[in-house]
Amino acid sequence: MFDNILLPIDLTHPESWEKALPLAAKMCGEGGTLHILGIVHELGSPLVASYLPRDFEEKMLQDMKAELDAFVSEKVPAGTKAVAHVGHGHVPEKILAAANDVSADMIVMASHPPDELRTFLVGSNADKVVRHASRPVLVVR
């Protein structure tokens, strides 16, 4: 079993956690900690950001943290120690940074089924994490 597992999720897409959460919880075993990470995407454009309230990102991070705390209390199996974390920025970079911050032994994450056009245009976050991670990554489909 593992001491620290990082599970990045997107609360708006249940497929990002429905299969991965039970597996990650099982891999934690007794005494392990499941670190659940939600990421507020970077807006990517100062022009877009200029139309939003000044405290928009801070508010989004607070809302995400509250939603993740509720998710942990509702969805994480009983007996699993879980901690919610929030990041802001480019998804693969934040996942890798969070893995370092929590000293994760493994990253467990879901991946969408391959879609050639989307993968070509945007790339897969799971693919980027797998290619750049310094620790094991388990991709769940």
C-alpha atoms as a PDB file:
ATOM      1  CA  MET A   1       0.000   0.000   0.000  1.00  0.00           C
ATOM      2  CA  PHE A   2       0.974   3.638  -0.406  1.00  0.00           C
ATOM      3  CA  ASP A   3       1.352   6.376   2.205  1.00  0.00           C
ATOM      4  CA  ASN A   4       0.327   9.317   0.007  1.00  0.00           C
ATOM      5  CA  ILE A   5      -1.737   9.161  -3.155  1.00  0.00           C
ATOM      6  CA  LEU A   6      -2.677  12.209  -5.218  1.00  0.00           C
ATOM      7  CA  LEU A   7      -6.017  12.085  -7.030  1.00  0.00           C
ATOM      8  CA  PRO A   8      -6.637  15.093  -9.295  1.00  0.00           C
ATOM      9  CA  ILE A   9     -10.334  15.463 -10.150  1.00  0.00           C
ATOM     10  CA  ASP A  10     -12.703  17.754 -11.977  1.00  0.00           C
ATOM     11  CA  LEU A  11     -15.872  18.066  -9.916  1.00  0.00           C
ATOM     12  CA  THR A  12     -17.885  18.978 -13.019  1.00  0.00           C
ATOM     13  CA  HIS A  13     -16.942  15.700 -14.739  1.00  0.00           C
ATOM     14  CA  PRO A  14     -17.817  12.596 -12.689  1.00  0.00           C
ATOM     15  CA  GLU A  15     -15.819  10.454 -15.126  1.00  0.00           C
ATOM     16  CA  SER A  16     -12.711  12.077 -13.625  1.00  0.00           C
ATOM     17  CA  TRP A  17     -13.353  10.372 -10.277  1.00  0.00           C
ATOM     18  CA  GLU A  18     -16.081   7.677 -10.478  1.00  0.00           C
ATOM     19  CA  LYS A  19     -13.638   4.850 -11.257  1.00  0.00           C
ATOM     20  CA  ALA A  20     -10.434   6.439  -9.977  1.00  0.00           C
ATOM     21  CA  LEU A  21     -11.661   7.341  -6.461  1.00  0.00           C
ATOM     22  CA  PRO A  22     -12.491   3.795  -5.257  1.00  0.00           C
ATOM     23  CA  LEU A  23      -9.217   2.477  -6.663  1.00  0.00           C
ATOM     24  CA  ALA A  24      -7.142   5.270  -5.095  1.00  0.00           C
ATOM     25  CA  ALA A  25      -8.887   4.808  -1.732  1.00  0.00           C
ATOM     26  CA  LYS A  26      -8.203   1.071  -1.819  1.00  0.00           C
ATOM     27  CA  MET A  27      -4.535   1.677  -2.646  1.00  0.00           C
ATOM     28  CA  CYS A  28      -4.151   4.001   0.347  1.00  0.00           C
ATOM     29  CA  GLY A  29      -4.948   1.235   2.763  1.00  0.00           C
ATOM     30  CA  GLU A  30      -4.832   1.853   6.485  1.00  0.00           C
ATOM     31  CA  GLY A  31      -2.670   4.760   7.530  1.00  0.00           C
ATOM     32  CA  GLY A  32      -2.351   6.220   4.033  1.00  0.00           C
ATOM     33  CA  THR A  33      -3.641   9.600   2.968  1.00  0.00           C
ATOM     34  CA  LEU A  34      -5.587  10.348  -0.180  1.00  0.00           C
ATOM     35  CA  HIS A  35      -4.883  13.868  -1.412  1.00  0.00           C
ATOM     36  CA  ILE A  36      -7.707  15.055  -3.650  1.00  0.00           C
ATOM     37  CA  LEU A  37      -6.758  17.942  -5.925  1.00  0.00           C
ATOM     38  CA  GLY A  38      -9.088  20.344  -7.715  1.00  0.00           C
ATOM     39  CA  ILE A  39      -7.647  22.866 -10.127  1.00  0.00           C
ATOM     40  CA  VAL A  40      -9.062  26.226 -11.135  1.00  0.00           C
ATOM     41  CA  HIS A  41      -7.976  26.645 -14.734  1.00  0.00           C
ATOM     42  CA  GLU A  42      -5.938  29.657 -15.676  1.00  0.00           C
ATOM     43  CA  LEU A  43      -7.937  32.061 -17.815  1.00  0.00           C
ATOM     44  CA  GLY A  44      -5.068  32.290 -20.244  1.00  0.00           C
ATOM     45  CA  SER A  45      -5.820  35.791 -21.475  1.00  0.00           C
ATOM     46  CA  PRO A  46      -5.408  39.128 -19.716  1.00  0.00           C
ATOM     47  CA  LEU A  47      -8.158  40.455 -21.983  1.00  0.00           C
ATOM     48  CA  VAL A  48     -10.680  37.938 -20.611  1.00  0.00           C
ATOM     49  CA  ALA A  49      -9.502  38.562 -17.040  1.00  0.00           C
ATOM     50  CA  SER A  50     -10.032  42.301 -17.444  1.00  0.00           C
ATOM     51  CA  TYR A  51     -13.802  41.736 -17.785  1.00  0.00           C
ATOM     52  CA  LEU A  52     -14.050  39.801 -14.520  1.00  0.00           C
ATOM     53  CA  PRO A  53     -14.143  41.183 -10.966  1.00  0.00           C
ATOM     54  CA  ARG A  54     -10.729  41.694  -9.376  1.00  0.00           C
ATOM     55  CA  ASP A  55     -11.296  38.988  -6.769  1.00  0.00           C
ATOM     56  CA  PHE A  56     -12.636  36.450  -9.289  1.00  0.00           C
ATOM     57  CA  GLU A  57      -9.751  33.966  -9.003  1.00  0.00           C
ATOM     58  CA  GLU A  58      -9.644  34.168  -5.203  1.00  0.00           C
ATOM     59  CA  LYS A  59     -13.396  33.561  -5.047  1.00  0.00           C
ATOM     60  CA  MET A  60     -13.083  30.607  -7.435  1.00  0.00           C
ATOM     61  CA  LEU A  61     -10.373  29.061  -5.259  1.00  0.00           C
ATOM     62  CA  GLN A  62     -12.496  29.474  -2.116  1.00  0.00           C
ATOM     63  CA  ASP A  63     -15.540  27.983  -3.838  1.00  0.00           C
ATOM     64  CA  MET A  64     -13.491  25.067  -5.181  1.00  0.00           C
ATOM     65  CA  LYS A  65     -12.101  24.344  -1.703  1.00  0.00           C
ATOM     66  CA  ALA A  66     -15.599  24.311  -0.190  1.00  0.00           C
ATOM     67  CA  GLU A  67     -16.877  22.026  -2.951  1.00  0.00           C
ATOM     68  CA  LEU A  68     -13.902  19.669  -2.540  1.00  0.00           C
ATOM     69  CA  ASP A  69     -14.413  19.498   1.232  1.00  0.00           C
ATOM     70  CA  ALA A  70     -18.066  18.557   0.624  1.00  0.00           C
ATOM     71  CA  PHE A  71     -16.971  15.995  -1.982  1.00  0.00           C
ATOM     72  CA  VAL A  72     -14.548  14.404   0.489  1.00  0.00           C
ATOM     73  CA  SER A  73     -17.200  14.096   3.192  1.00  0.00           C
ATOM     74  CA  GLU A  74     -19.805  12.678   0.761  1.00  0.00           C
ATOM     75  CA  LYS A  75     -17.852  10.494  -1.675  1.00  0.00           C
ATOM     76  CA  VAL A  76     -14.658   9.256  -0.032  1.00  0.00           C
ATOM     77  CA  PRO A  77     -15.179   5.767   1.409  1.00  0.00           C
ATOM     78  CA  ALA A  78     -15.416   5.540   5.201  1.00  0.00           C
ATOM     79  CA  GLY A  79     -12.108   4.795   6.854  1.00  0.00           C
ATOM     80  CA  THR A  80     -10.051   6.563   4.183  1.00  0.00           C
ATOM     81  CA  LYS A  81      -8.087   9.563   5.383  1.00  0.00           C
ATOM     82  CA  ALA A  82      -8.525  12.262   2.729  1.00  0.00           C
ATOM     83  CA  VAL A  83      -7.414  15.871   2.400  1.00  0.00           C
ATOM     84  CA  ALA A  84      -8.682  18.356  -0.202  1.00  0.00           C
ATOM     85  CA  HIS A  85      -6.232  20.621  -2.028  1.00  0.00           C
ATOM     86  CA  VAL A  86      -6.822  23.410  -4.534  1.00  0.00           C
ATOM     87  CA  GLY A  87      -4.491  24.614  -7.253  1.00  0.00           C
ATOM     88  CA  HIS A  88      -4.666  27.350  -9.863  1.00  0.00           C
ATOM     89  CA  GLY A  89      -3.065  27.335 -13.270  1.00  0.00           C
ATOM     90  CA  HIS A  90      -2.054  24.932 -16.011  1.00  0.00           C
ATOM     91  CA  VAL A  91      -3.483  21.511 -15.117  1.00  0.00           C
ATOM     92  CA  PRO A  92      -0.509  19.161 -15.724  1.00  0.00           C
ATOM     93  CA  GLU A  93       1.938  21.562 -14.070  1.00  0.00           C
ATOM     94  CA  LYS A  94      -0.284  21.915 -10.988  1.00  0.00           C
ATOM     95  CA  ILE A  95      -0.714  18.150 -10.708  1.00  0.00           C
ATOM     96  CA  LEU A  96       3.037  17.580 -10.802  1.00  0.00           C
ATOM     97  CA  ALA A  97       3.696  20.419  -8.336  1.00  0.00           C
ATOM     98  CA  ALA A  98       1.029  19.112  -5.949  1.00  0.00           C
ATOM     99  CA  ALA A  99       2.532  15.617  -6.135  1.00  0.00           C
ATOM    100  CA  ASN A 100       5.834  17.088  -4.983  1.00  0.00           C
ATOM    101  CA  ASP A 101       4.184  19.235  -2.295  1.00  0.00           C
ATOM    102  CA  VAL A 102       2.370  16.292  -0.662  1.00  0.00           C
ATOM    103  CA  SER A 103       5.221  13.818  -1.276  1.00  0.00           C
ATOM    104  CA  ALA A 104       2.893  11.573  -3.239  1.00  0.00           C
ATOM    105  CA  ASP A 105       4.034   8.000  -3.723  1.00  0.00           C
ATOM    106  CA  MET A 106       1.685   7.697  -6.689  1.00  0.00           C
ATOM    107  CA  ILE A 107      -0.642   9.801  -8.820  1.00  0.00           C
ATOM    108  CA  VAL A 108      -3.952   8.191  -9.732  1.00  0.00           C
ATOM    109  CA  MET A 109      -5.957   9.963 -12.394  1.00  0.00           C
ATOM    110  CA  ALA A 110      -8.669   9.326 -14.920  1.00  0.00           C
ATOM    111  CA  SER A 111      -8.254   9.858 -18.632  1.00  0.00           C
ATOM    112  CA  HIS A 112     -10.894  10.485 -21.238  1.00  0.00           C
ATOM    113  CA  PRO A 113     -11.117   8.013 -24.114  1.00  0.00           C
ATOM    114  CA  PRO A 114      -8.855   8.995 -26.987  1.00  0.00           C
ATOM    115  CA  ASP A 115     -10.259  11.582 -29.344  1.00  0.00           C
ATOM    116  CA  GLU A 116      -7.789  12.249 -32.133  1.00  0.00           C
ATOM    117  CA  LEU A 117      -8.813  15.838 -32.857  1.00  0.00           C
ATOM    118  CA  ARG A 118      -8.983  16.916 -29.195  1.00  0.00           C
ATOM    119  CA  THR A 119      -5.684  15.183 -28.412  1.00  0.00           C
ATOM    120  CA  PHE A 120      -4.034  16.834 -31.407  1.00  0.00           C
ATOM    121  CA  LEU A 121      -5.331  20.319 -30.570  1.00  0.00           C
ATOM    122  CA  VAL A 122      -5.115  20.307 -26.785  1.00  0.00           C
ATOM    123  CA  GLY A 123      -3.264  17.188 -25.734  1.00  0.00           C
ATOM    124  CA  SER A 124      -4.190  14.938 -22.882  1.00  0.00           C
ATOM    125  CA  ASN A 125      -3.516  16.123 -19.343  1.00  0.00           C
ATOM    126  CA  ALA A 126      -2.940  12.507 -18.294  1.00  0.00           C
ATOM    127  CA  ASP A 127      -0.432  12.063 -21.114  1.00  0.00           C
ATOM    128  CA  LYS A 128       1.497  15.163 -20.050  1.00  0.00           C
ATOM    129  CA  VAL A 129       1.531  14.058 -16.413  1.00  0.00           C
ATOM    130  CA  VAL A 130       2.725  10.556 -17.335  1.00  0.00           C
ATOM    131  CA  ARG A 131       5.513  11.938 -19.531  1.00  0.00           C
ATOM    132  CA  HIS A 132       6.840  14.370 -16.926  1.00  0.00           C
ATOM    133  CA  ALA A 133       6.144  12.687 -13.565  1.00  0.00           C
ATOM    134  CA  SER A 134       9.007  11.610 -11.351  1.00  0.00           C
ATOM    135  CA  ARG A 135       6.801   9.040  -9.599  1.00  0.00           C
ATOM    136  CA  PRO A 136       4.401   6.284 -10.698  1.00  0.00           C
ATOM    137  CA  VAL A 137       1.176   7.368 -12.390  1.00  0.00           C
ATOM    138  CA  LEU A 138      -1.846   5.099 -12.646  1.00  0.00           C
ATOM    139  CA  VAL A 139      -4.226   6.153 -15.407  1.00  0.00           C
ATOM    140  CA  VAL A 140      -7.761   4.835 -14.969  1.00  0.00           C
ATOM    141  CA  ARG A 141     -10.263   4.531 -17.813  1.00  0.00           C
END
